[in-house]
Amino acid sequence: MARHRITQGGVEETVLIPLYARAVETAGPDPALRDPRAAEMVDGIEYDYRKFDGQPSLKGAVMRTVLFDLWTRDFLAEHPDGTVIEVGTGLNTRFERTDNGRASWYDLDLPAVIALRREFFEDTPRRTMIAASVTDPSWPDRVTGDGPRLISAEAVLAFLPEEDVRGVVGLLADRFPGAFLATDTSGPAIVRSQQNHDVLSRVDARMRWSCADPAEVTDWHPGTELLASHTMTSLPPRLVEGLPRAYRDMIDELAVLRLPQVEQYRMNLYRLP
């Protein structure tokens, strides 16, 4: 396999954090998820991943992915012919983990990221890559069909200014009425101290949107519903029950500590009007 070099500060750099987290998890003795494609991509991209080794946020990224996977499976169980839109898809492999053989998928990211992604993935009749910014009002034109939709924006919106986040949510509500939106939010303490974050401090990207209460998003567009909101210590019981013992112990320890950097980070599921 040809190796692709990623340099410090490149636009593709942040997509390697969740990728590496899934690869490391897959190689472990009792993984919370299995993602052999992630391991293949890590091997195929020349980059100094060692700076992320042993950092707690890798486990956090895995738990977030497991929750977003659960929401995707729930959506496809109820809407087997629905459409999944991965906003800021990076090198995500949710399709490989959750696809039901019937749904339509769209993977959206910046042109430089999609160019990297195309080194490992190809479009298929049910899966299409879109090279565009999520703030570009024209990208929804590429999404066909009128059925139910799940829009997944994992570790994306916090890196935009609030004005842009409001614009993106408005665009999604206008173009995909009634869609589900899965996304994560970071509170003020996290955004203020991100220069000391165990992983983000090692890359150039910085969060710009601080959200103290995910319910605030429902005020932006009347009819928006917040269906679920979880911290790392308040994940759905059915998810926690399926996690390896090490993860369950970690969650119990974090619940006692009540750390701001944990409790102010939330994973949310909305229903757009």
Protein backbone atom coordinates (compact mmCIF):
# COMPACT_ATOMS: atom_id res chain seq x y z
CA MET A 1 0.00 0.00 0.00
CA ALA A 2 1.28 3.48 -0.90
CA ARG A 3 1.88 5.70 2.12
CA HIS A 4 0.40 9.19 2.21
CA ARG A 5 2.25 11.84 4.19
CA ILE A 6 0.37 14.27 6.44
CA THR A 7 2.28 17.27 7.80
CA GLN A 8 1.79 19.20 11.03
CA GLY A 9 -0.84 21.89 10.56
CA GLY A 10 -2.39 20.37 7.44
CA VAL A 11 -6.14 20.56 7.06
CA GLU A 12 -6.32 16.77 7.14
CA GLU A 13 -4.47 16.48 10.48
CA THR A 14 -7.47 16.58 12.80
CA VAL A 15 -9.18 13.70 11.00
CA LEU A 16 -6.35 11.45 12.13
CA ILE A 17 -7.25 11.72 15.83
CA PRO A 18 -10.50 9.69 15.74
CA LEU A 19 -8.98 7.46 13.06
CA TYR A 20 -6.03 6.61 15.30
CA ALA A 21 -8.34 6.14 18.29
CA ARG A 22 -10.32 3.50 16.41
CA ALA A 23 -7.18 1.78 15.16
CA VAL A 24 -5.66 1.62 18.64
CA GLU A 25 -8.94 0.35 20.06
CA THR A 26 -9.19 -2.35 17.41
CA ALA A 27 -5.73 -3.62 18.30
CA GLY A 28 -6.58 -3.88 22.01
CA PRO A 29 -7.45 -7.10 23.85
CA ASP A 30 -11.10 -6.21 24.56
CA PRO A 31 -12.15 -3.45 22.16
CA ALA A 32 -15.29 -1.35 22.45
CA LEU A 33 -15.46 -1.40 18.65
CA ARG A 34 -13.68 -3.17 15.82
CA ASP A 35 -12.52 -1.16 12.83
CA PRO A 36 -9.95 -2.99 10.70
CA ARG A 37 -10.26 -0.35 7.97
CA ALA A 38 -9.02 2.26 10.45
CA ALA A 39 -5.94 0.15 11.15
CA GLU A 40 -5.30 -0.16 7.40
CA MET A 41 -5.54 3.61 6.91
CA VAL A 42 -3.24 4.36 9.82
CA ASP A 43 -0.69 2.04 8.22
CA GLY A 44 -1.20 3.81 4.89
CA ILE A 45 -0.70 7.37 6.17
CA GLU A 46 2.75 8.57 7.17
CA TYR A 47 2.32 10.63 10.32
CA ASP A 48 3.76 10.81 13.83
CA TYR A 49 0.83 9.31 15.75
CA ARG A 50 2.99 8.77 18.84
CA LYS A 51 2.08 12.17 20.25
CA PHE A 52 -1.46 10.87 20.82
CA ASP A 53 -0.44 7.64 22.53
CA GLY A 54 -1.86 7.10 26.00
CA GLN A 55 -4.03 10.23 25.95
CA PRO A 56 -7.46 9.83 27.63
CA SER A 57 -9.23 11.63 24.79
CA LEU A 58 -8.60 8.65 22.51
CA LYS A 59 -10.93 6.63 24.74
CA GLY A 60 -13.38 9.53 24.70
CA ALA A 61 -13.35 9.57 20.90
CA VAL A 62 -14.12 5.84 20.88
CA MET A 63 -17.07 6.25 23.26
CA ARG A 64 -18.43 9.11 21.17
CA THR A 65 -18.18 6.99 18.03
CA VAL A 66 -19.91 4.07 19.75
CA LEU A 67 -22.82 6.36 20.71
CA PHE A 68 -23.10 7.85 17.21
CA ASP A 69 -23.01 4.30 15.81
CA LEU A 70 -25.87 3.36 18.16
CA TRP A 71 -27.95 6.31 16.98
CA THR A 72 -27.24 5.33 13.38
CA ARG A 73 -28.31 1.73 13.95
CA ASP A 74 -31.47 2.92 15.70
CA PHE A 75 -32.27 5.20 12.77
CA LEU A 76 -31.72 2.45 10.19
CA ALA A 77 -33.77 -0.01 12.23
CA GLU A 78 -36.72 2.37 12.04
CA HIS A 79 -35.97 3.69 8.54
CA PRO A 80 -34.13 0.93 6.64
CA ASP A 81 -34.35 2.83 3.34
CA GLY A 82 -33.37 6.17 4.88
CA THR A 83 -30.40 8.40 4.15
CA VAL A 84 -27.36 8.99 6.34
CA ILE A 85 -25.33 12.17 5.78
CA GLU A 86 -21.90 12.26 7.44
CA VAL A 87 -20.93 15.93 7.81
CA GLY A 88 -17.19 16.38 8.30
CA THR A 89 -16.75 12.71 7.56
CA GLY A 90 -12.95 12.75 7.65
CA LEU A 91 -11.82 9.12 7.45
CA ASN A 92 -14.86 7.80 9.26
CA THR A 93 -15.97 4.22 8.64
CA ARG A 94 -19.45 4.29 10.12
CA PHE A 95 -20.80 2.86 6.87
CA GLU A 96 -18.63 -0.23 7.32
CA ARG A 97 -19.81 -0.65 10.92
CA THR A 98 -23.53 0.05 10.61
CA ASP A 99 -24.72 -0.21 6.99
CA ASN A 100 -27.85 -2.30 6.53
CA GLY A 101 -27.43 -2.94 2.80
CA ARG A 102 -30.31 -0.63 1.85
CA ALA A 103 -29.67 2.91 3.07
CA SER A 104 -28.17 5.77 1.05
CA TRP A 105 -25.02 7.45 2.38
CA TYR A 106 -23.32 10.77 1.73
CA ASP A 107 -19.85 11.64 3.05
CA LEU A 108 -19.24 15.40 3.14
CA ASP A 109 -15.96 17.16 3.92
CA LEU A 110 -13.58 19.83 2.67
CA PRO A 111 -12.00 19.15 -0.74
CA ALA A 112 -8.55 18.41 0.74
CA VAL A 113 -10.03 15.86 3.14
CA ILE A 114 -12.16 14.21 0.45
CA ALA A 115 -9.07 13.99 -1.75
CA LEU A 116 -7.36 12.03 1.04
CA ARG A 117 -10.49 9.97 1.61
CA ARG A 118 -10.61 8.99 -2.07
CA GLU A 119 -7.25 7.30 -1.62
CA PHE A 120 -9.07 4.70 0.49
CA PHE A 121 -12.75 4.80 -0.58
CA GLU A 122 -14.74 4.92 -3.81
CA ASP A 123 -18.23 6.10 -4.59
CA THR A 124 -20.81 3.36 -5.01
CA PRO A 125 -24.47 3.38 -6.11
CA ARG A 126 -25.47 3.86 -2.46
CA ARG A 127 -22.53 5.90 -1.14
CA THR A 128 -21.40 9.29 -2.46
CA MET A 129 -18.59 11.62 -1.40
CA ILE A 130 -19.18 15.38 -1.56
CA ALA A 131 -16.21 17.76 -1.53
CA ALA A 132 -17.50 21.00 0.00
CA SER A 133 -17.62 23.01 3.20
CA VAL A 134 -20.65 22.36 5.37
CA THR A 135 -21.23 26.14 5.24
CA ASP A 136 -21.60 26.04 1.43
CA PRO A 137 -25.36 26.42 0.77
CA SER A 138 -25.16 24.43 -2.46
CA TRP A 139 -23.96 21.04 -1.16
CA PRO A 140 -27.44 19.79 -0.18
CA ASP A 141 -28.31 19.86 -3.91
CA ARG A 142 -26.19 16.70 -4.24
CA VAL A 143 -28.39 14.78 -1.78
CA THR A 144 -31.26 13.07 -3.56
CA GLY A 145 -34.47 11.49 -2.30
CA ASP A 146 -37.15 12.68 0.10
CA GLY A 147 -37.08 9.94 2.76
CA PRO A 148 -36.05 10.16 6.42
CA ARG A 149 -32.52 11.43 7.04
CA LEU A 150 -29.95 11.23 9.79
CA ILE A 151 -27.27 13.92 9.67
CA SER A 152 -24.20 13.05 11.72
CA ALA A 153 -21.79 15.88 12.56
CA GLU A 154 -19.23 14.29 14.87
CA ALA A 155 -16.47 16.58 16.18
CA VAL A 156 -17.20 19.22 13.52
CA LEU A 157 -19.43 22.12 14.54
CA ALA A 158 -17.44 23.17 17.61
CA PHE A 159 -14.61 24.22 15.27
CA LEU A 160 -16.84 26.79 13.55
CA PRO A 161 -17.78 30.26 14.82
CA GLU A 162 -21.25 30.32 16.39
CA GLU A 163 -22.55 32.45 13.51
CA ASP A 164 -21.56 29.70 11.09
CA VAL A 165 -23.03 26.98 13.31
CA ARG A 166 -26.34 28.84 13.36
CA GLY A 167 -26.16 29.12 9.58
CA VAL A 168 -25.42 25.42 9.16
CA VAL A 169 -28.29 24.36 11.42
CA GLY A 170 -30.58 26.73 9.54
CA LEU A 171 -29.44 25.30 6.21
CA LEU A 172 -30.05 21.74 7.42
CA ALA A 173 -33.48 22.62 8.81
CA ASP A 174 -34.45 24.35 5.56
CA ARG A 175 -33.16 21.69 3.17
CA PHE A 176 -33.84 18.55 5.26
CA PRO A 177 -36.97 19.28 7.31
CA GLY A 178 -37.71 16.66 9.93
CA ALA A 179 -34.19 15.20 9.79
CA PHE A 180 -32.36 13.92 12.84
CA LEU A 181 -29.12 15.71 13.70
CA ALA A 182 -26.46 14.01 15.83
CA THR A 183 -23.71 16.37 16.98
CA ASP A 184 -21.51 17.19 19.95
CA THR A 185 -21.07 20.41 21.92
CA SER A 186 -18.31 21.75 24.16
CA GLY A 187 -18.93 24.04 27.12
CA PRO A 188 -17.09 27.26 28.01
CA ALA A 189 -14.53 25.65 30.32
CA ILE A 190 -13.46 23.25 27.57
CA VAL A 191 -13.12 25.92 24.90
CA ARG A 192 -11.24 28.29 27.23
CA SER A 193 -8.69 25.64 28.24
CA GLN A 194 -8.26 23.82 24.94
CA GLN A 195 -4.61 24.88 24.68
CA ASN A 196 -4.06 22.42 27.54
CA HIS A 197 -6.20 19.66 26.05
CA ASP A 198 -4.39 16.32 25.94
CA VAL A 199 -4.92 15.89 22.19
CA LEU A 200 -6.04 19.21 20.67
CA SER A 201 -2.99 20.94 22.11
CA ARG A 202 -0.92 18.73 19.80
CA VAL A 203 -2.58 19.98 16.59
CA ASP A 204 -3.33 23.43 15.18
CA ALA A 205 -7.13 23.20 15.03
CA ARG A 206 -9.05 25.11 17.70
CA MET A 207 -12.67 25.07 18.81
CA ARG A 208 -14.52 28.34 18.28
CA TRP A 209 -18.11 27.61 19.32
CA SER A 210 -18.79 27.37 23.04
CA CYS A 211 -22.19 25.90 23.96
CA ALA A 212 -23.11 25.89 27.65
CA ASP A 213 -26.47 24.20 27.12
CA PRO A 214 -27.35 22.08 24.04
CA ALA A 215 -31.00 23.05 24.53
CA GLU A 216 -30.06 26.54 23.33
CA VAL A 217 -29.95 25.18 19.78
CA THR A 218 -33.68 24.45 19.91
CA ASP A 219 -34.32 28.19 20.28
CA TRP A 220 -32.67 28.97 16.96
CA HIS A 221 -35.46 27.42 14.88
CA PRO A 222 -38.96 26.89 16.32
CA GLY A 223 -39.94 23.24 16.30
CA THR A 224 -36.41 21.88 16.82
CA GLU A 225 -36.40 19.15 19.49
CA LEU A 226 -33.56 17.93 21.68
CA LEU A 227 -34.27 14.19 21.82
CA ALA A 228 -31.20 13.09 23.81
CA SER A 229 -28.10 14.63 25.38
CA HIS A 230 -25.34 12.63 27.05
CA THR A 231 -22.03 13.25 28.75
CA MET A 232 -19.38 10.56 28.95
CA THR A 233 -20.75 9.72 32.41
CA SER A 234 -24.42 9.61 31.40
CA LEU A 235 -24.39 7.38 28.34
CA PRO A 236 -27.48 5.24 27.62
CA PRO A 237 -27.53 2.18 29.91
CA ARG A 238 -27.91 -0.21 26.96
CA LEU A 239 -24.69 1.22 25.50
CA VAL A 240 -22.76 1.07 28.77
CA GLU A 241 -23.83 -2.53 29.36
CA GLY A 242 -22.14 -3.54 26.11
CA LEU A 243 -18.84 -1.79 26.83
CA PRO A 244 -15.74 -3.65 28.03
CA ARG A 245 -15.21 -3.67 31.79
CA ALA A 246 -12.32 -1.18 31.56
CA TYR A 247 -14.65 1.38 29.99
CA ARG A 248 -17.36 0.82 32.57
CA ASP A 249 -14.83 1.30 35.36
CA MET A 250 -13.55 4.48 33.71
CA ILE A 251 -17.08 5.89 33.47
CA ASP A 252 -17.68 5.16 37.16
CA GLU A 253 -14.45 6.94 38.11
CA LEU A 254 -15.26 9.98 35.98
CA ALA A 255 -18.76 10.17 37.45
CA VAL A 256 -17.22 10.59 40.90
CA LEU A 257 -14.67 13.19 39.81
CA ARG A 258 -17.21 15.39 37.94
CA LEU A 259 -14.46 17.02 35.88
CA PRO A 260 -15.58 20.14 33.94
CA GLN A 261 -13.81 18.93 30.80
CA VAL A 262 -15.96 15.80 30.96
CA GLU A 263 -19.29 17.15 32.18
CA GLN A 264 -19.31 20.13 29.80
CA TYR A 265 -18.83 17.93 26.76
CA ARG A 266 -22.15 16.58 25.47
CA MET A 267 -23.31 14.38 22.59
CA ASN A 268 -26.75 15.37 21.35
CA LEU A 269 -29.51 14.10 19.10
CA TYR A 270 -31.92 16.67 17.66
CA ARG A 271 -34.99 16.50 15.48
CA LEU A 272 -35.07 19.41 13.05
CA PRO A 273 -38.38 21.16 12.36
